[in-house]
Amino acid sequence: MLELIKKPSRKNRGIVVKMRFLHNKKFQYENTTKLFCCRYFKWLLWFALSSYFFVSFLISHTPNPVKPVSSSFSKASISRAVIEPQIPQSHQGLLNGMKVFVYDLPSKYNNAWLSNERCKNHLFASEVAIHKALLTTSIRTLDPTQADFFFVPVYVSCNFSTINGFPAIGHARSLLSSAVHLISTEYPFWNRSRGSDHVFVASHDYGACFHAMEDVAMTHGIPEFMRNSIILQTFGVKYKHPCQQVQHVVIPPYISPVSIQSTLRNSPINIHRDIFAFFRGKMEVHPKNISGRFYGKGVRTKILRKYGNDRRFYLKRHRFAGYQLEILRSIFCLCPLGWAPWSPRLVESVALGCVPVIIADGIRLPFSSVVRWPEISLTVAEKDVGKLGEILEYVALTNLSVIQSNLWGPETKRALLYNVPMEEGDATWQVLSALSSRLSRPRYSVSSE
């Protein structure tokens, strides 16, 4: 409602007109109440939504506690965060979140040896394969202060003598000693543990003794500077031996996964195993004219003399490029000891489905907690090689099909082959699994001073 008010001015010069609203009290109260409720509801809704989103943010973004890192390695820590891939969740549980630092040594300790193409493909090449696999796995850390283990990549089996074919490993001790001196002076990690968390590969005949002849290897023993370290070595026996009196993991010899895949790919789909018992390799009593030393304790020679004219046995002295196809055609593959108990034929036989016949008393086989050796192979005592034919015939008539069925398990084959990059369950993965079982000890801390 409008009310018109006339009011004379002081000087009566005109009429001043004012307008004012006349309010109904009830109407005014109702409108005021509605306005207040509306404003109150908006503020209440805004507050509720804000609280909800704020609490949700806190729950989903709670930071993990951050471990202090030495200032000496702050750059490495940043590199790790940017470059290093996150470890798959499945590996976190199985490998206890383990981290391995790989020393970046000058090429004379490793890559320079690769100018010899054979270096990365021969039976000793696990030292190369493990190194390459570790460089590409998420188990690797670029921050040494966060490492559980330290891998020292020194290749000692790459150099071969062209005269007699032996791996020339006379340089091994001095090369390894030089590497240890380098890392112990430039990094603090060796000295803090006396090398007990450092890992080396010794992939030739008598492992950490670094000699191809057992008598010499035993005389020299394991180098003093490596006796606290962990050695990955192909040599392993169940009895006391000076060349394995050190923390060690028995690993398989190297067989190229590419060669195995190529053989399987180029073979007939349903290949017939027409060879009963197979062996191809050196069988002399004195190979390479090593006077006074009996190669393989004379076991191979006994096999040749006893079964050389037996039609059931396919025995050849020299290898050729396609010998893996012969393995694929064979039912039993003989794996007698050579200079050392282990043989690359163990891996080749398993990978190609031929039952390995292990003739090496007291041998300790790789990854026995994963590879069910008693279920996929035969073991014949060295003294019983004269009965080999009878033993194999008996197995062929009884439980051969069961052994062959076990042998074709993909997990077993995978565990004995080294892949680059590493695959879950393969040989390098099994090495890391064995190391992770030793993580009960506390991690060390390193001062930045």
Foldseek 3Di string as FASTA:
>chain_A
DWDWDWDADPVRPDTDTDIDDDDDVVVVVVVVVVVVVVVVVVVVVVVVVVVVVVVVCCVVPPDDDDDDAFPVCVVLVVCQVVPQDAADPVCCVLLVLAAEEEDPDPCVQPVVLCVQVCCCADQLNPLVLLNLQQVPHSSYGSRVQRHQAYEYRGRQQSDADPPAGHRPRPCVVVSVVVSCVVCVVVDVPCVVQLALRYEYEQEDFLGQLRDLAQVSSQVSAHDPSCQNYEYEYCADFQDDGRSPNHHYAHAGTAHAPVLLVVLCVPDDPDAAQPAEEEDEAAQDQQRPNPPPHGWLVNLSVVLCVQCVPPRNYDYHHHDDDNCLNNLLSYQEYEAGQTSHQGDNVVLSNLSNLHAYEREGPRGDHHPCVQAVNVLQHHYDYSVCSNCVVVVSVVCVPPPSVRNSVSSPDPLNNQCRHRDVNGDCSHVSNSVSSVVSVPPPDDRDGDHND
